[in-house]
């Protein structure tokens, strides 16, 4: 008998491998969101700032050979040497700018934080107070602020020499020297409060993001208000504090009242010395960048991070907030 030849069964087509879907983790998504938000600034820099910055750097390192087309002949660091060794006004103006910044910078940060903490409390007309502190920032900027300061409005707001705040017999007792010093301090406070609107709003946003449970837990542990401020409030608003430090620093260096900017503008545009003005501008820019980098580097080590980031960084759980140390109670036998 002939054997039946079994025909091989056709092989089942193998299932195609599932294509892996491209997924982004949460950290990458957050980075892309940030990139989308800053993309208008990046596009603006590439379109409108690259050429002026490049031309300014070439001007600082050379001299204009032809005004048509702004042709520049590179000569070296002569303009930079002139700023430090030849010009008798550059270094004193530079030091005056640093002195003003050292006086107003910490005052702005401290007063803004104090006002933000006061406004953050549950008080009547809280929104009205926020508007009141922010209106001077909107109105008193640029040329408006320059005109107000030229007319002495900063010293006229809190005037101690007209006998309204302080009686004339007290003024005559202390003398004009002390009264002038007090008037100068009050004028500085007025200008600082005028320009603190953005800082107050930033601190407010940071304070309102703190969970009330943290304060309740700290009070249950027996923490005082002073300990709560340093152990809870400051660590939790540390990212906003860094933002305020950088913003206030840059704002003070680019303010309309800054004597350094006025000196650079007068040399570059009024006197027509574009090369020398560009060199002073780059020196000033390098100084501001260095100070900002130092502040950022120092504050970076004190930034508050959540527990997940702490575990990834150190491999173990470490408490960074609500660690309130208490001295052991003394016992008497």
Protein backbone atom coordinates (compact mmCIF):
# COMPACT_ATOMS: atom_id res chain seq x y z
CA UNK A 1 0.00 0.00 0.00
CA UNK A 2 1.23 3.41 -0.85
CA UNK A 3 1.96 5.52 2.12
CA UNK A 4 0.14 8.76 2.39
CA UNK A 5 2.46 11.67 2.08
CA UNK A 6 1.54 14.22 4.65
CA UNK A 7 1.66 17.62 3.24
CA UNK A 8 3.39 20.05 5.64
CA UNK A 9 1.07 22.44 7.23
CA UNK A 10 1.73 26.02 6.32
CA UNK A 11 3.52 27.83 9.12
CA UNK A 12 1.45 30.30 10.97
CA UNK A 13 2.54 33.79 10.22
CA UNK A 14 4.45 35.16 13.18
CA UNK A 15 2.90 38.09 14.92
CA UNK A 16 4.74 41.26 14.19
CA UNK A 17 6.63 42.59 17.16
CA UNK A 18 4.83 45.33 18.90
CA UNK A 19 6.30 48.65 18.10
CA UNK A 20 7.59 50.38 21.13
CA UNK A 21 5.82 53.60 21.72
CA UNK A 22 8.02 56.61 22.26
CA UNK A 23 7.30 57.83 25.75
CA UNK A 24 8.81 60.70 27.64
CA UNK A 25 9.40 60.64 31.33
CA UNK A 26 8.08 63.38 33.58
CA UNK A 27 11.42 65.15 33.86
CA UNK A 28 11.81 65.38 30.07
CA UNK A 29 8.25 66.65 29.71
CA UNK A 30 8.94 69.40 32.25
CA UNK A 31 12.09 70.38 30.34
CA UNK A 32 10.17 70.57 27.06
CA UNK A 33 7.48 72.70 28.67
CA UNK A 34 10.12 75.09 29.95
CA UNK A 35 11.73 75.19 26.50
CA UNK A 36 8.38 76.10 24.93
CA UNK A 37 7.89 78.96 27.37
CA UNK A 38 11.37 80.41 26.81
CA UNK A 39 11.32 79.86 23.05
CA UNK A 40 10.10 83.45 22.30
CA UNK A 41 13.08 84.80 24.21
CA UNK A 42 15.49 82.46 22.42
CA UNK A 43 14.09 83.43 19.01
CA UNK A 44 14.28 87.11 19.92
CA UNK A 45 17.92 86.77 20.98
CA UNK A 46 18.89 84.95 17.80
CA UNK A 47 17.10 87.46 15.56
CA UNK A 48 17.77 90.80 17.24
CA UNK A 49 20.71 90.44 19.67
CA UNK A 50 23.39 88.28 18.08
CA UNK A 51 24.52 90.89 15.54
CA UNK A 52 24.55 93.89 17.95
CA UNK A 53 26.46 91.88 20.57
CA UNK A 54 29.02 90.72 18.00
CA UNK A 55 29.43 94.26 16.68
CA UNK A 56 29.81 95.62 20.21
CA UNK A 57 32.56 93.10 20.99
CA UNK A 58 34.41 94.00 17.78
CA UNK A 59 34.09 97.70 18.60
CA UNK A 60 35.58 97.17 22.06
CA UNK A 61 38.61 95.43 20.50
CA UNK A 62 39.22 97.90 17.69
CA UNK A 63 38.39 101.22 16.09
CA UNK A 64 35.98 102.31 13.39
CA UNK A 65 37.79 102.57 10.06
CA UNK A 66 34.69 103.46 8.06
CA UNK A 67 31.35 104.64 9.41
CA UNK A 68 29.64 103.32 6.25
CA UNK A 69 28.78 99.73 7.06
CA UNK A 70 30.47 100.07 10.48
CA UNK A 71 33.78 98.62 9.36
CA UNK A 72 35.97 97.93 12.39
CA UNK A 73 39.74 97.50 12.47
CA UNK A 74 40.88 95.25 15.31
CA UNK A 75 43.59 96.92 17.42
CA UNK A 76 43.64 94.84 20.63
CA UNK A 77 42.83 95.74 24.23
CA UNK A 78 43.66 99.45 24.01
CA UNK A 79 40.13 100.51 25.00
CA UNK A 80 40.13 98.24 28.04
CA UNK A 81 43.52 99.56 29.15
CA UNK A 82 42.26 103.10 28.70
CA UNK A 83 39.28 102.41 30.97
CA UNK A 84 41.42 101.28 33.90
CA UNK A 85 44.66 103.24 33.48
CA UNK A 86 43.86 106.40 31.50
CA UNK A 87 40.28 107.40 32.28
CA UNK A 88 40.15 109.01 35.74
CA UNK A 89 36.35 108.71 36.08
CA UNK A 90 35.73 105.05 35.21
CA UNK A 91 37.03 103.39 38.40
CA UNK A 92 35.43 105.93 40.82
CA UNK A 93 32.09 105.60 39.02
CA UNK A 94 32.43 101.83 39.12
CA UNK A 95 33.07 101.88 42.88
CA UNK A 96 30.14 104.25 43.43
CA UNK A 97 27.88 101.80 41.61
CA UNK A 98 29.08 98.96 43.84
CA UNK A 99 28.51 101.06 46.98
CA UNK A 100 24.93 101.89 45.99
CA UNK A 101 24.22 98.23 45.21
CA UNK A 102 25.61 97.06 48.57
CA UNK A 103 23.29 99.51 50.35
CA UNK A 104 20.05 98.93 48.42
CA UNK A 105 20.40 95.24 47.54
CA UNK A 106 19.97 93.68 51.02
CA UNK A 107 17.34 96.26 51.96
CA UNK A 108 15.24 95.30 48.95
CA UNK A 109 15.37 91.57 49.73
CA UNK A 110 14.67 91.95 53.47
CA UNK A 111 11.87 94.51 53.15
CA UNK A 112 10.22 92.58 50.32
CA UNK A 113 10.18 89.38 52.38
CA UNK A 114 8.81 91.16 55.46
CA UNK A 115 6.06 92.89 53.47
CA UNK A 116 5.17 89.66 51.66
CA UNK A 117 4.85 87.79 54.97
CA UNK A 118 2.62 90.55 56.36
CA UNK A 119 0.39 90.64 53.29
CA UNK A 120 0.21 86.84 53.23
CA UNK A 121 -1.62 86.83 56.56
CA UNK A 122 -5.38 86.66 56.70
CA UNK A 123 -6.12 90.39 56.91
CA UNK A 124 -8.81 92.61 55.48
CA UNK A 125 -8.19 94.26 52.08
CA UNK A 126 -5.23 91.99 51.40
CA UNK A 127 -5.63 92.35 47.63
CA UNK A 128 -5.71 96.14 47.93
CA UNK A 129 -2.36 96.15 49.74
CA UNK A 130 -0.82 94.05 46.97
CA UNK A 131 -1.98 96.53 44.35
CA UNK A 132 -0.69 99.47 46.42
CA UNK A 133 2.80 98.00 46.66
CA UNK A 134 2.90 97.09 42.96
CA UNK A 135 1.60 100.36 41.47
CA UNK A 136 4.85 102.34 42.11
CA UNK A 137 6.77 99.72 40.16
CA UNK A 138 4.51 100.20 37.14
CA UNK A 139 4.51 104.00 37.25
CA UNK A 140 8.02 104.76 38.44
CA UNK A 141 10.25 103.11 35.85
CA UNK A 142 12.57 104.46 33.20
CA UNK A 143 12.32 108.15 32.38
CA UNK A 144 9.45 108.68 34.82
CA UNK A 145 11.61 107.56 37.73
CA UNK A 146 14.50 109.72 36.50
CA UNK A 147 12.30 112.81 36.43
CA UNK A 148 10.93 112.08 39.90
CA UNK A 149 14.40 111.68 41.34
CA UNK A 150 15.63 114.86 39.64
CA UNK A 151 12.82 116.76 41.36
CA UNK A 152 13.70 115.24 44.75
CA UNK A 153 10.41 113.42 45.19
CA UNK A 154 12.15 110.52 46.99
CA UNK A 155 13.27 112.85 49.79
CA UNK A 156 10.03 114.84 49.82
CA UNK A 157 7.87 111.80 50.64
CA UNK A 158 9.37 111.47 54.13
CA UNK A 159 10.78 114.92 54.83
CA UNK A 160 12.24 115.43 58.30
CA UNK A 161 13.35 119.02 57.80
CA UNK A 162 9.94 120.68 57.44
CA UNK A 163 8.89 120.01 61.04
CA UNK A 164 6.07 117.62 60.17
CA UNK A 165 7.62 114.36 61.31
CA UNK A 166 10.12 115.78 63.79
CA UNK A 167 9.64 119.08 65.72
CA UNK A 168 11.94 121.98 64.88
CA UNK A 169 13.48 122.06 68.36
CA UNK A 170 14.59 118.43 67.97
CA UNK A 171 16.02 119.20 64.54
CA UNK A 172 17.98 122.15 65.88
CA UNK A 173 19.25 120.03 68.78
CA UNK A 174 20.71 117.29 66.56
CA UNK A 175 22.00 119.64 63.89
CA UNK A 176 21.86 119.62 60.14
CA UNK A 177 24.49 116.89 59.68
CA UNK A 178 22.50 114.20 61.46
CA UNK A 179 19.23 115.38 59.90
CA UNK A 180 20.74 115.17 56.42
CA UNK A 181 21.93 111.62 57.13
CA UNK A 182 18.46 110.63 58.35
CA UNK A 183 16.89 112.27 55.30
CA UNK A 184 19.23 110.34 53.00
CA UNK A 185 18.34 107.03 54.69
CA UNK A 186 14.62 107.75 54.38
CA UNK A 187 15.09 108.65 50.71
CA UNK A 188 16.83 105.31 50.12
CA UNK A 189 13.98 103.46 51.85
CA UNK A 190 11.44 105.22 49.64
CA UNK A 191 13.26 104.28 46.42
CA UNK A 192 13.72 100.70 47.65
CA UNK A 193 10.01 100.34 48.41
CA UNK A 194 9.14 101.87 45.02
CA UNK A 195 11.08 99.15 43.23
CA UNK A 196 10.07 96.16 45.39
CA UNK A 197 6.76 95.30 43.71
CA UNK A 198 8.03 92.32 41.70
CA UNK A 199 10.01 90.92 44.64
CA UNK A 200 6.97 91.12 46.91
CA UNK A 201 4.80 89.25 44.39
CA UNK A 202 7.45 86.56 43.92
CA UNK A 203 7.80 86.03 47.65
CA UNK A 204 4.00 85.93 47.97
CA UNK A 205 3.77 83.16 45.38
CA UNK A 206 6.43 81.20 47.26
CA UNK A 207 4.76 81.66 50.64
CA UNK A 208 1.34 80.62 49.34
CA UNK A 209 2.78 77.39 47.92
CA UNK A 210 3.82 76.17 51.39
CA UNK A 211 1.46 73.58 52.82
CA UNK A 212 -0.20 74.63 56.11
CA UNK A 213 0.42 71.08 57.38
CA UNK A 214 4.12 71.86 57.67
CA UNK A 215 3.43 74.76 60.02
CA UNK A 216 0.98 72.69 62.06
CA UNK A 217 3.50 69.86 62.42
CA UNK A 218 6.19 72.29 63.50
CA UNK A 219 3.94 73.89 66.13
CA UNK A 220 2.95 70.46 67.45
CA UNK A 221 6.66 69.70 67.88
CA UNK A 222 6.93 72.82 70.01
CA UNK A 223 8.75 75.06 67.53
CA UNK A 224 8.76 78.80 68.08
CA UNK A 225 7.89 81.28 65.32
CA UNK A 226 11.57 82.08 64.89
CA UNK A 227 12.43 78.39 64.43
CA UNK A 228 9.51 77.92 62.04
CA UNK A 229 10.77 80.81 59.93
CA UNK A 230 14.28 79.37 59.56
CA UNK A 231 13.38 75.67 59.49
CA UNK A 232 10.22 75.75 57.37
CA UNK A 233 9.62 79.06 55.59
CA UNK A 234 13.14 79.81 54.36
CA UNK A 235 13.90 76.28 53.04
CA UNK A 236 10.52 76.03 51.30
CA UNK A 237 10.85 79.40 49.54
CA UNK A 238 14.55 78.95 48.76
CA UNK A 239 13.98 78.58 44.97
CA UNK A 240 11.94 81.79 44.96
CA UNK A 241 14.57 83.43 47.17
CA UNK A 242 17.25 82.57 44.60
CA UNK A 243 15.09 84.00 41.83
CA UNK A 244 14.60 87.21 43.81
CA UNK A 245 18.32 87.49 44.57
CA UNK A 246 19.24 87.19 40.89
CA UNK A 247 16.43 89.46 39.70
CA UNK A 248 17.18 92.18 42.27
CA UNK A 249 20.89 92.01 41.51
CA UNK A 250 20.39 92.40 37.76
CA UNK A 251 17.75 95.10 38.30
CA UNK A 252 20.06 97.13 40.54
CA UNK A 253 22.87 96.92 37.99
CA UNK A 254 20.58 97.99 35.12
CA UNK A 255 18.52 100.59 36.98
CA UNK A 256 18.04 104.04 35.49
CA UNK A 257 19.66 105.58 38.58
CA UNK A 258 22.85 103.56 38.11
CA UNK A 259 25.74 106.03 37.56
CA UNK A 260 27.75 103.47 35.60
CA UNK A 261 25.16 103.14 32.87
CA UNK A 262 24.86 106.90 32.57
CA UNK A 263 28.63 107.22 32.23
CA UNK A 264 28.82 104.53 29.54
CA UNK A 265 25.95 106.11 27.62
CA UNK A 266 27.48 109.59 27.77
CA UNK A 267 30.83 108.36 26.41
CA UNK A 268 29.38 106.08 23.79
CA UNK A 269 26.60 108.21 22.31
CA UNK A 270 27.01 111.82 23.45
CA UNK A 271 30.79 111.96 22.92
CA UNK A 272 30.72 109.63 19.91
CA UNK A 273 33.35 107.26 21.35
CA UNK A 274 31.59 104.04 20.42
CA UNK A 275 34.70 101.88 20.84
CA UNK A 276 35.44 103.13 24.36
CA UNK A 277 31.80 102.89 25.39
CA UNK A 278 31.61 99.31 24.10
CA UNK A 279 34.73 98.36 26.06
CA UNK A 280 33.30 99.80 29.29
CA UNK A 281 30.03 98.02 28.60
CA UNK A 282 31.77 94.65 28.26
CA UNK A 283 33.75 95.24 31.46
CA UNK A 284 30.52 96.04 33.24
CA UNK A 285 28.79 93.00 31.70
CA UNK A 286 31.61 90.68 32.80
CA UNK A 287 31.43 92.03 36.35
CA UNK A 288 27.65 91.56 36.56
CA UNK A 289 27.91 88.03 35.15
CA UNK A 290 30.61 87.14 37.67
CA UNK A 291 28.55 88.41 40.62
CA UNK A 292 25.44 86.57 39.41
CA UNK A 293 27.46 83.34 39.01
CA UNK A 294 28.84 83.69 42.56
CA UNK A 295 25.37 84.24 44.04
CA UNK A 296 23.95 81.31 42.09
CA UNK A 297 26.85 79.04 43.07
CA UNK A 298 26.53 79.88 46.78
CA UNK A 299 22.73 79.57 46.90
CA UNK A 300 22.65 76.35 44.86
CA UNK A 301 23.87 74.34 47.85
CA UNK A 302 21.00 75.61 49.99
CA UNK A 303 18.11 74.92 47.62
CA UNK A 304 15.24 72.85 48.98
CA UNK A 305 14.53 69.64 47.08
CA UNK A 306 11.79 67.11 47.62
CA UNK A 307 12.31 63.75 49.29
CA UNK A 308 12.48 61.80 46.01
CA UNK A 309 15.40 63.90 44.76
CA UNK A 310 17.11 63.56 48.14
CA UNK A 311 16.91 59.76 48.03
CA UNK A 312 18.27 59.68 44.46
CA UNK A 313 21.12 61.99 45.40
CA UNK A 314 22.21 60.52 48.73
CA UNK A 315 20.74 57.03 48.62
CA UNK A 316 19.01 57.49 51.94
CA UNK A 317 16.31 59.63 53.47
CA UNK A 318 17.48 62.85 55.04
CA UNK A 319 15.28 65.40 56.65
CA UNK A 320 16.01 68.89 55.41
CA UNK A 321 13.06 70.66 56.97
CA UNK A 322 11.20 70.43 60.21
CA UNK A 323 14.39 69.36 61.96
CA UNK A 324 14.07 71.41 65.08
CA UNK A 325 16.83 70.70 67.54
CA UNK A 326 16.14 71.08 71.20
CA UNK A 327 18.48 71.11 74.09
CA UNK A 328 17.96 68.24 76.53
CA UNK A 329 16.20 69.20 79.70
CA UNK A 330 18.35 69.36 82.77
CA UNK A 331 17.37 67.07 85.58
CA UNK A 332 18.17 67.66 89.20
CA UNK A 333 18.75 64.70 91.48
